[in-house]
Amino acid sequence: MPTSIARSGSVLADFLATVAQSESAAAQATYTDALVDGQLGDPDENGFTVDPENSRISEAEPAVSGGVSTTIIIIAAVVGVVGLIAVVVVAIFLMRRHAARDKPPKKASSSMELEPNVAGNSDDGYQSLRMPRRQKSDHTYQGLMASSKTEDTPDVAYEDVKPSSEFPRNQLNIKEKLGQGEFGSVYKAEAWKISGGEGVKTVAVKELKGMSSPTASTAFFKELTVLKLLGTHPNVVSFLGCCTDAEPFYLLLEYVSGGSLQSNLRTSRTQQTYGNLHGGSKSLSSRDLTKFAWDVAKGMTFLSSKKIIHRDLASRNVLVSADRTCKVSDFGFSREGDEYERTTKTRLPIRWMAPESLFHRKYTTKTDVWAFGVLLWEIVTLGATPYPGMSKREVMDGVQQGYRMDKPKHCDAKLYNLMQSCWEVDPARRPEFRKIQRTLDSLMETEHDYINLATLDENTYTSLQTASDEKY
């Protein structure tokens, strides 16, 4: 067939005339039969369609295969099924996680055993763990890298003590004993011309007993190293100097007259008049308690900026001044750096420890954040022992399974939400101390009572000391 006929789109009469001139009778019959069906040629091979009404010929459109549509339908169905399965899996995960938080912990196996208690030890809330024998951990816990800073074999690092920190022993007058520490006693003393001042100043003296073990000596000088990094902050006990020229060794610290935060909280219970303001000038109000938390948060923000990991933050290790300002103290466990891994056995504050510290020996400022959440719970309950009614083994198993302490009924949801954020299992999801401080800043700006002492259930929070078998 001539090309001019194939592409011209001419009228039917002209087309038939051309066919009559160029094709045989048989060919004409074939075209005529094709015209009856309204189509010339194979539609899949660029054939033509004839419109009898207007006598026009146009190129036929190739037939569309139904296979493509079927494939699209199958793909859409598969994607829909996969999406539905994903939604179901996520829903089941969230339900199980919520159930794990709400129900009491079950017994769980642990690779760690509790050390037998030493007879005669005071009930101080610490416990030794018998760690499995192994090499230094390379475990990473929720994004925490293994730390290069570890506790080495005990060695007394006298060379780390700078002469400028030394205070003349003959200018120090030891007075009464304030308390007993792990490796020695704490005394009240008078120091003459200390820290460049004039006259006599009252100080606290932490003593390392003579003939102490190498472990005690190492702990003493490591604490001294941390203290010298502190600087000055109104919510951190100040380091004033040391006496290390001869035994007994002394650490000289700011004297804080009000005692520990824990003792202040517990004493307040005996003065309660079942109103939100306790009776008497020594009582505590809801705002006092919120301010205690705010003070500690400010002190810890300062320490974290100095890259100091406290490792033993609890109400017993916070002191209260005469004007009720809280100051973070007791740096015996503290270490300098971003991360730290414990490699030696020591007595541990189990009820205040984050999972990565309990089970993987890892410490960062985020483990201090976890402890702050427990300390906040202590403040709200006026010094009750965390995880009331649970043994130390049950605490460890519960923390490992995701158990968290319930909200005290007299505690505002905003404070409890802050506690919960500190207890996130993933350290990266816990807030920085500066964010915690900003949260408490905003709470202090309002007149709202976030701790309703009038509804404090003292029967629920009667545990004011740990069980007799809970030692370091």
Protein backbone atom coordinates (compact mmCIF):
# COMPACT_ATOMS: atom_id res chain seq x y z
CA MET A 1 0.00 0.00 0.00
CA PRO A 2 1.43 3.43 -0.92
CA THR A 3 2.86 5.45 1.98
CA SER A 4 0.71 8.47 1.09
CA ILE A 5 -2.40 6.44 1.89
CA ALA A 6 -0.97 4.97 5.15
CA ARG A 7 -0.30 8.34 6.91
CA SER A 8 -2.45 10.95 5.15
CA GLY A 9 -5.71 10.52 7.03
CA SER A 10 -7.59 11.23 3.71
CA VAL A 11 -11.29 10.66 3.24
CA LEU A 12 -12.55 7.13 2.63
CA ALA A 13 -13.56 7.79 -0.98
CA ASP A 14 -10.10 8.93 -1.98
CA PHE A 15 -8.57 5.95 -0.21
CA LEU A 16 -10.75 3.44 -2.07
CA ALA A 17 -9.96 5.13 -5.34
CA THR A 18 -6.26 4.78 -4.71
CA VAL A 19 -6.66 1.14 -3.75
CA ALA A 20 -8.62 0.53 -6.97
CA GLN A 21 -5.76 1.93 -9.02
CA SER A 22 -2.90 0.08 -7.27
CA GLU A 23 -4.18 -3.27 -6.06
CA SER A 24 -5.72 -6.34 -7.55
CA ALA A 25 -9.35 -7.37 -7.14
CA ALA A 26 -8.38 -9.79 -4.34
CA ALA A 27 -6.64 -7.03 -2.41
CA GLN A 28 -9.65 -4.77 -2.86
CA ALA A 29 -11.85 -7.46 -1.37
CA THR A 30 -9.55 -7.76 1.62
CA TYR A 31 -9.62 -4.01 2.33
CA THR A 32 -13.38 -3.97 1.88
CA ASP A 33 -13.81 -6.73 4.50
CA ALA A 34 -11.52 -4.84 6.85
CA LEU A 35 -13.57 -1.70 6.50
CA VAL A 36 -16.67 -3.56 7.67
CA ASP A 37 -14.90 -4.07 11.04
CA GLY A 38 -13.77 -0.43 11.08
CA GLN A 39 -10.03 -1.26 11.16
CA LEU A 40 -7.18 -1.70 8.69
CA GLY A 41 -4.03 -3.65 9.51
CA ASP A 42 -2.84 -5.12 12.83
CA PRO A 43 -3.52 -2.69 15.71
CA ASP A 44 -0.35 -3.89 17.42
CA GLU A 45 1.67 -3.11 14.30
CA ASN A 46 0.62 0.49 13.59
CA GLY A 47 -2.68 -0.36 11.83
CA PHE A 48 -5.50 2.11 11.05
CA THR A 49 -9.00 2.75 12.36
CA VAL A 50 -11.81 3.79 10.02
CA ASP A 51 -14.64 6.04 11.16
CA PRO A 52 -17.55 5.28 8.81
CA GLU A 53 -19.57 8.31 9.88
CA ASN A 54 -17.04 10.94 8.77
CA SER A 55 -15.07 8.69 6.41
CA ARG A 56 -11.71 9.28 8.14
CA ILE A 57 -8.81 6.95 8.74
CA SER A 58 -6.53 7.31 11.81
CA GLU A 59 -3.71 5.32 13.31
CA ALA A 60 -4.97 2.59 15.59
CA GLU A 61 -3.81 2.78 19.25
CA PRO A 62 -2.02 -0.35 20.42
CA ALA A 63 -4.06 -2.55 22.71
CA VAL A 64 -3.25 -2.04 26.40
CA SER A 65 -2.29 -5.25 28.16
CA GLY A 66 -4.22 -6.12 31.31
CA GLY A 67 -1.01 -7.55 32.85
CA VAL A 68 0.30 -4.15 33.93
CA SER A 69 -2.87 -3.31 35.85
CA THR A 70 -2.83 -6.70 37.52
CA THR A 71 0.79 -6.22 38.61
CA ILE A 72 0.01 -2.81 40.13
CA ILE A 73 -2.92 -4.29 42.06
CA ILE A 74 -0.74 -7.13 43.42
CA ILE A 75 2.02 -4.71 44.51
CA ALA A 76 -0.50 -2.45 46.26
CA ALA A 77 -1.99 -5.44 48.09
CA VAL A 78 1.44 -6.66 49.26
CA VAL A 79 2.39 -3.18 50.51
CA GLY A 80 -0.90 -2.91 52.38
CA VAL A 81 -0.42 -6.30 54.09
CA VAL A 82 3.18 -5.45 55.09
CA GLY A 83 2.03 -2.09 56.51
CA LEU A 84 -0.73 -3.79 58.52
CA ILE A 85 1.74 -6.32 59.95
CA ALA A 86 4.11 -3.48 60.96
CA VAL A 87 1.29 -1.65 62.76
CA VAL A 88 0.33 -4.83 64.66
CA VAL A 89 3.97 -5.51 65.68
CA VAL A 90 4.43 -1.93 66.96
CA ALA A 91 1.16 -2.11 68.90
CA ILE A 92 2.17 -5.40 70.57
CA PHE A 93 5.60 -3.97 71.49
CA LEU A 94 4.08 -0.86 73.07
CA MET A 95 1.53 -2.93 75.02
CA ARG A 96 4.24 -5.21 76.39
CA ARG A 97 6.46 -2.29 77.34
CA HIS A 98 3.59 -0.58 79.15
CA ALA A 99 2.72 -3.80 80.98
CA ALA A 100 6.36 -4.27 82.06
CA ARG A 101 6.41 -0.80 83.62
CA ASP A 102 3.14 -1.29 85.51
CA LYS A 103 3.52 -4.71 87.07
CA PRO A 104 5.91 -5.64 89.90
CA PRO A 105 9.14 -7.25 88.79
CA LYS A 106 9.57 -10.98 88.49
CA LYS A 107 12.64 -12.88 89.43
CA ALA A 108 15.32 -12.52 86.78
CA SER A 109 18.65 -14.18 86.48
CA SER A 110 21.72 -12.04 86.88
CA SER A 111 25.38 -12.76 86.42
CA MET A 112 26.17 -10.81 89.60
CA GLU A 113 25.94 -12.06 93.16
CA LEU A 114 25.62 -10.03 96.34
CA GLU A 115 28.61 -10.07 98.66
CA PRO A 116 28.04 -11.34 102.22
CA ASN A 117 27.69 -8.47 104.68
CA VAL A 118 30.36 -7.64 107.15
CA ALA A 119 29.17 -7.87 110.75
CA GLY A 120 29.05 -4.55 112.52
CA ASN A 121 28.69 -2.37 109.43
CA SER A 122 26.20 0.45 109.81
CA ASP A 123 23.07 0.47 107.69
CA ASP A 124 24.13 2.94 104.99
CA GLY A 125 22.30 1.87 101.84
CA TYR A 126 25.22 0.37 99.90
CA GLN A 127 25.98 -3.17 98.77
CA SER A 128 28.95 -5.01 97.30
CA LEU A 129 28.42 -7.03 94.13
CA ARG A 130 30.54 -10.06 93.33
CA MET A 131 31.29 -9.43 89.68
CA PRO A 132 32.01 -12.34 87.31
CA ARG A 133 35.68 -12.87 86.52
CA ARG A 134 36.43 -11.42 83.09
CA GLN A 135 38.58 -9.01 81.18
CA LYS A 136 37.87 -5.31 80.95
CA SER A 137 34.49 -4.75 79.33
CA ASP A 138 34.22 -3.64 75.72
CA HIS A 139 30.42 -3.62 75.95
CA THR A 140 28.61 -0.60 74.57
CA TYR A 141 25.32 0.17 76.28
CA GLN A 142 22.76 2.15 74.30
CA GLY A 143 25.42 4.20 72.53
CA LEU A 144 27.87 4.51 75.43
CA MET A 145 31.40 3.63 74.36
CA ALA A 146 33.72 1.71 76.63
CA SER A 147 35.70 4.20 78.65
CA SER A 148 39.45 4.49 78.79
CA LYS A 149 39.28 5.80 82.37
CA THR A 150 39.23 2.87 84.79
CA GLU A 151 40.08 2.15 88.38
CA ASP A 152 43.62 0.87 88.35
CA THR A 153 45.33 -1.31 90.91
CA PRO A 154 45.57 0.74 94.10
CA ASP A 155 48.55 3.05 94.08
CA VAL A 156 48.95 6.16 96.17
CA ALA A 157 49.34 9.03 93.74
CA TYR A 158 51.18 11.49 95.98
CA GLU A 159 52.68 13.19 92.96
CA ASP A 160 49.23 14.38 91.89
CA VAL A 161 48.94 16.65 94.94
CA LYS A 162 49.90 20.22 94.15
CA PRO A 163 51.89 22.03 96.86
CA SER A 164 49.61 25.07 96.47
CA SER A 165 46.71 23.07 97.95
CA GLU A 166 48.61 22.34 101.17
CA PHE A 167 47.43 24.05 104.32
CA PRO A 168 49.74 24.36 107.35
CA ARG A 169 48.70 21.75 109.86
CA ASN A 170 49.70 24.02 112.78
CA GLN A 171 47.01 26.50 111.68
CA LEU A 172 44.26 23.88 112.09
CA ASN A 173 42.44 23.19 115.35
CA ILE A 174 40.32 20.00 115.29
CA LYS A 175 37.07 20.26 117.29
CA GLU A 176 34.20 17.79 117.67
CA LYS A 177 33.48 14.79 115.49
CA LEU A 178 30.65 15.22 112.98
CA GLY A 179 30.40 11.71 111.58
CA GLN A 180 32.12 8.55 110.43
CA GLY A 181 33.19 8.04 106.81
CA GLU A 182 34.24 4.97 104.88
CA PHE A 183 37.97 5.35 105.60
CA GLY A 184 37.96 7.77 108.50
CA SER A 185 36.07 10.39 110.47
CA VAL A 186 34.71 13.83 109.65
CA TYR A 187 35.41 16.63 112.12
CA LYS A 188 34.44 20.21 112.71
CA ALA A 189 37.57 22.39 112.94
CA GLU A 190 38.87 25.94 113.00
CA ALA A 191 41.37 27.12 110.42
CA TRP A 192 43.39 30.32 110.67
CA LYS A 193 43.89 32.38 107.49
CA ILE A 194 42.60 29.69 105.17
CA SER A 195 41.95 30.47 101.48
CA GLY A 196 43.60 33.86 101.85
CA GLY A 197 41.11 35.06 104.43
CA GLU A 198 41.80 36.79 107.72
CA GLY A 199 41.02 35.40 111.13
CA VAL A 200 39.53 32.01 112.00
CA LYS A 201 37.07 30.15 109.81
CA THR A 202 35.04 27.06 110.66
CA VAL A 203 35.74 24.17 108.27
CA ALA A 204 34.95 20.49 107.89
CA VAL A 205 37.90 18.10 107.97
CA LYS A 206 37.73 14.68 106.33
CA GLU A 207 40.38 12.42 107.79
CA LEU A 208 42.18 9.43 106.32
CA LYS A 209 43.18 7.21 109.21
CA GLY A 210 46.81 6.34 109.69
CA MET A 211 47.89 2.87 108.56
CA SER A 212 45.00 2.75 106.08
CA SER A 213 44.89 0.19 103.31
CA PRO A 214 46.27 0.98 99.85
CA THR A 215 42.67 1.01 98.60
CA ALA A 216 41.70 3.67 101.15
CA SER A 217 44.75 5.78 100.32
CA THR A 218 44.02 5.59 96.61
CA ALA A 219 40.39 6.59 97.16
CA PHE A 220 41.49 9.52 99.32
CA PHE A 221 43.88 10.93 96.74
CA LYS A 222 41.49 10.36 93.85
CA GLU A 223 38.88 12.33 95.74
CA LEU A 224 41.47 15.05 96.31
CA THR A 225 42.17 15.14 92.57
CA VAL A 226 38.49 15.67 91.82
CA LEU A 227 38.07 18.30 94.55
CA LYS A 228 40.87 20.38 93.09
CA LEU A 229 38.95 20.53 89.79
CA LEU A 230 35.76 21.84 91.36
CA GLY A 231 36.16 25.56 91.60
CA THR A 232 33.42 27.45 93.44
CA HIS A 233 29.65 27.19 93.09
CA PRO A 234 26.93 28.06 95.62
CA ASN A 235 25.34 24.61 95.25
CA VAL A 236 28.55 22.57 95.57
CA VAL A 237 30.59 22.15 98.75
CA SER A 238 33.86 24.08 98.32
CA PHE A 239 37.32 22.53 98.60
CA LEU A 240 39.58 24.67 100.82
CA GLY A 241 42.84 22.74 101.03
CA CYS A 242 44.55 19.61 102.31
CA CYS A 243 47.19 18.38 104.74
CA THR A 244 49.22 15.57 103.16
CA ASP A 245 52.68 16.27 104.56
CA ALA A 246 52.21 13.62 107.24
CA GLU A 247 49.58 11.22 108.57
CA PRO A 248 46.75 11.47 109.30
CA PHE A 249 45.87 13.06 105.97
CA TYR A 250 43.16 15.73 105.89
CA LEU A 251 40.80 17.16 103.29
CA LEU A 252 39.58 20.63 104.26
CA LEU A 253 36.07 21.45 103.05
CA GLU A 254 33.44 24.14 103.45
CA TYR A 255 31.50 23.61 106.68
CA VAL A 256 27.74 23.32 106.08
CA SER A 257 25.85 23.56 109.34
CA GLY A 258 22.43 22.18 108.44
CA GLY A 259 23.29 18.51 108.07
CA SER A 260 22.36 16.20 105.23
CA LEU A 261 19.31 16.66 103.04
CA GLN A 262 18.18 13.17 104.05
CA SER A 263 18.17 14.05 107.76
CA ASN A 264 16.33 17.30 107.05
CA LEU A 265 13.63 15.48 105.11
CA ARG A 266 13.15 12.81 107.74
CA THR A 267 13.15 15.26 110.64
CA SER A 268 10.41 17.22 108.89
CA ARG A 269 8.10 14.21 109.20
CA THR A 270 8.01 14.52 112.99
CA GLN A 271 6.96 18.18 112.70
CA GLN A 272 4.12 17.67 110.25
CA THR A 273 0.78 19.23 111.17
CA TYR A 274 -1.06 17.76 108.15
CA GLY A 275 -1.10 21.01 106.27
CA ASN A 276 0.98 22.00 103.31
CA LEU A 277 3.03 24.16 105.63
CA HIS A 278 4.46 22.18 108.52
CA GLY A 279 4.18 23.69 111.98
CA GLY A 280 7.21 25.51 113.38
CA SER A 281 10.12 27.39 111.88
CA LYS A 282 12.10 24.20 111.23
CA SER A 283 9.37 22.63 109.13
CA LEU A 284 9.40 22.31 105.34
CA SER A 285 6.87 23.52 102.80
CA SER A 286 6.16 22.29 99.29
CA ARG A 287 8.16 25.21 97.91
CA ASP A 288 11.11 24.35 100.17
CA LEU A 289 11.14 20.84 98.75
CA THR A 290 10.93 22.02 95.15
CA LYS A 291 13.79 24.43 95.84
CA PHE A 292 15.91 21.58 97.23
CA ALA A 293 15.57 19.79 93.90
CA TRP A 294 16.31 23.03 92.04
CA ASP A 295 19.49 23.63 94.09
CA VAL A 296 20.79 20.11 93.43
CA ALA A 297 20.05 20.45 89.70
CA LYS A 298 22.08 23.68 89.59
CA GLY A 299 24.98 22.05 91.40
CA MET A 300 24.94 19.05 89.07
CA THR A 301 24.76 21.30 86.01
CA PHE A 302 27.96 22.90 87.24
CA LEU A 303 29.66 19.54 87.88
CA SER A 304 28.68 18.17 84.47
CA SER A 305 30.12 21.29 82.82
CA LYS A 306 33.39 20.41 84.58
CA LYS A 307 33.10 16.84 83.25
CA ILE A 308 32.89 15.44 86.77
CA ILE A 309 30.81 12.28 87.23
CA HIS A 310 29.57 12.15 90.83
CA ARG A 311 28.54 8.45 90.87
CA ASP A 312 26.89 8.64 94.32
CA LEU A 313 24.20 11.30 94.09
CA ALA A 314 21.61 10.76 96.84
CA SER A 315 19.94 12.82 99.57
CA ARG A 316 22.49 11.57 102.13
CA ASN A 317 25.26 13.17 100.06
CA VAL A 318 23.67 16.62 99.79
CA LEU A 319 24.20 19.11 102.62
CA VAL A 320 21.83 21.90 103.68
CA SER A 321 23.11 25.26 104.87
CA ALA A 322 21.55 27.44 107.57
CA ASP A 323 19.56 29.34 104.93
CA ARG A 324 18.33 26.04 103.42
CA THR A 325 20.58 26.12 100.38
CA CYS A 326 21.45 22.62 99.17
CA LYS A 327 25.07 21.80 98.29
CA VAL A 328 26.22 18.64 96.52
CA SER A 329 28.96 16.94 98.56
CA ASP A 330 30.88 13.70 99.10
CA PHE A 331 33.07 13.14 96.06
CA GLY A 332 34.61 9.86 97.20
CA PHE A 333 33.20 8.00 94.18
CA SER A 334 33.59 10.86 91.73
CA ARG A 335 35.71 10.70 88.60
CA GLU A 336 36.75 13.23 85.97
CA GLY A 337 35.93 12.66 82.30
CA ASP A 338 33.08 12.01 79.89
CA GLU A 339 32.87 8.27 80.60
CA TYR A 340 34.12 5.88 83.22
CA GLU A 341 34.16 2.10 83.60
CA ARG A 342 34.44 0.44 86.99
CA THR A 343 36.82 -2.52 86.99
CA THR A 344 37.30 -3.18 90.71
CA LYS A 345 34.92 -4.34 93.40
CA THR A 346 33.48 -1.65 95.64
CA ARG A 347 30.36 -1.00 97.69
CA LEU A 348 27.60 0.35 95.49
CA PRO A 349 24.40 2.40 96.04
CA ILE A 350 22.17 -0.08 94.21
CA ARG A 351 18.86 1.76 94.67
CA TRP A 352 20.27 4.89 92.97
CA MET A 353 22.07 3.18 90.08
CA ALA A 354 21.18 3.23 86.39
CA PRO A 355 20.99 -0.09 84.46
CA GLU A 356 24.23 0.55 82.55
CA SER A 357 26.06 1.07 85.86
CA LEU A 358 24.52 -1.95 87.59
CA PHE A 359 24.96 -4.44 84.79
CA HIS A 360 27.71 -3.03 82.56
CA ARG A 361 29.82 -0.92 84.99
CA LYS A 362 29.47 2.17 82.79
CA TYR A 363 29.16 5.70 84.19
CA THR A 364 28.51 9.05 82.50
CA THR A 365 26.76 12.23 83.56
CA LYS A 366 23.58 10.48 82.37
CA THR A 367 23.97 7.91 85.16
CA ASP A 368 24.00 10.87 87.55
CA VAL A 369 20.76 12.01 85.87
CA TRP A 370 19.18 8.64 86.73
CA ALA A 371 20.28 9.08 90.37
CA PHE A 372 18.82 12.59 90.37
CA GLY A 373 15.43 11.10 89.50
CA VAL A 374 15.70 8.83 92.54
CA LEU A 375 16.82 11.76 94.71
CA LEU A 376 13.77 13.72 93.50
CA TRP A 377 11.59 10.81 94.63
CA GLU A 378 13.34 10.95 98.03
CA ILE A 379 12.50 14.64 98.32
CA VAL A 380 8.84 14.09 97.42
CA THR A 381 8.47 11.28 100.00
CA LEU A 382 10.34 13.17 102.77
CA GLY A 383 13.34 10.88 102.79
CA ALA A 384 11.77 7.45 102.28
CA THR A 385 13.97 4.63 101.04
CA PRO A 386 13.60 4.17 97.26
CA TYR A 387 11.75 1.08 95.98
CA PRO A 388 9.83 0.63 99.25
CA GLY A 389 9.11 -2.97 100.21
CA MET A 390 11.64 -4.39 97.73
CA SER A 391 14.91 -6.11 98.56
CA LYS A 392 18.10 -5.11 96.81
CA ARG A 393 17.89 -8.22 94.61
CA GLU A 394 14.33 -7.34 93.64
CA VAL A 395 15.46 -3.80 92.83
CA MET A 396 18.18 -5.10 90.51
CA ASP A 397 15.83 -7.55 88.78
CA GLY A 398 13.11 -4.92 88.50
CA VAL A 399 15.39 -2.29 86.96
CA GLN A 400 16.69 -4.88 84.52
CA GLN A 401 13.11 -5.65 83.41
CA GLY A 402 12.04 -2.00 83.09
CA TYR A 403 10.23 -1.57 86.40
CA ARG A 404 9.99 2.03 87.67
CA MET A 405 8.63 3.42 90.93
CA ASP A 406 5.01 4.58 90.84
CA LYS A 407 3.95 8.19 91.19
CA PRO A 408 3.34 9.17 94.82
CA LYS A 409 -0.28 10.29 95.11
CA HIS A 410 0.69 13.61 96.66
CA CYS A 411 3.16 14.41 93.85
CA ASP A 412 2.23 16.67 90.92
CA ALA A 413 2.37 15.04 87.49
CA LYS A 414 4.98 17.55 86.30
CA LEU A 415 7.47 16.43 88.95
CA TYR A 416 6.77 12.76 88.31
CA ASN A 417 7.20 13.25 84.55
CA LEU A 418 10.62 14.72 85.33
CA MET A 419 11.48 11.61 87.38
CA GLN A 420 10.38 9.34 84.55
CA SER A 421 12.49 11.20 82.01
CA CYS A 422 15.51 10.63 84.26
CA TRP A 423 14.72 6.89 84.32
CA GLU A 424 14.77 6.28 80.58
CA VAL A 425 16.58 3.02 79.88
CA ASP A 426 18.50 4.64 77.00
CA PRO A 427 20.94 7.19 78.51
CA ALA A 428 20.72 9.29 75.35
CA ARG A 429 17.01 9.88 76.01
CA ARG A 430 17.57 11.22 79.52
CA PRO A 431 17.67 15.02 79.81
CA GLU A 432 20.86 16.96 80.39
CA PHE A 433 21.17 18.60 83.80
CA ARG A 434 20.84 22.04 82.26
CA LYS A 435 17.45 21.02 80.86
CA ILE A 436 16.41 19.64 84.25
CA GLN A 437 17.46 22.95 85.79
CA ARG A 438 15.37 24.90 83.26
CA THR A 439 12.34 22.74 84.06
CA LEU A 440 12.72 23.44 87.77
CA ASP A 441 13.34 27.14 87.00
CA SER A 442 9.85 27.29 85.50
CA LEU A 443 8.30 25.43 88.45
CA MET A 444 9.91 27.83 90.91
CA GLU A 445 8.41 30.79 89.03
CA THR A 446 4.88 29.70 89.94
CA GLU A 447 3.11 29.64 93.30
CA HIS A 448 1.72 26.15 92.68
CA ASP A 449 2.32 23.40 95.27
CA TYR A 450 3.88 20.52 93.35
CA ILE A 451 4.12 18.37 96.51
CA ASN A 452 0.87 18.26 98.47
CA LEU A 453 2.13 17.39 101.94
CA ALA A 454 -1.41 17.45 103.36
CA THR A 455 -2.13 14.19 101.48
CA LEU A 456 1.22 12.48 102.15
CA ASP A 457 0.53 8.83 102.98
CA GLU A 458 3.11 8.16 105.66
CA ASN A 459 2.04 4.50 105.92
CA THR A 460 3.20 3.97 102.34
CA TYR A 461 6.56 5.67 102.84
CA THR A 462 7.53 4.49 106.32
CA SER A 463 10.76 2.84 105.18
CA LEU A 464 13.35 5.35 106.36
CA GLN A 465 16.34 3.06 106.20
CA THR A 466 17.39 0.07 104.17
CA ALA A 467 17.10 -3.51 105.34
CA SER A 468 19.78 -4.81 107.68
CA ASP A 469 21.48 -6.79 104.90
CA GLU A 470 21.88 -3.81 102.56
CA LYS A 471 25.48 -2.74 102.88
CA TYR A 472 28.05 -1.61 100.33
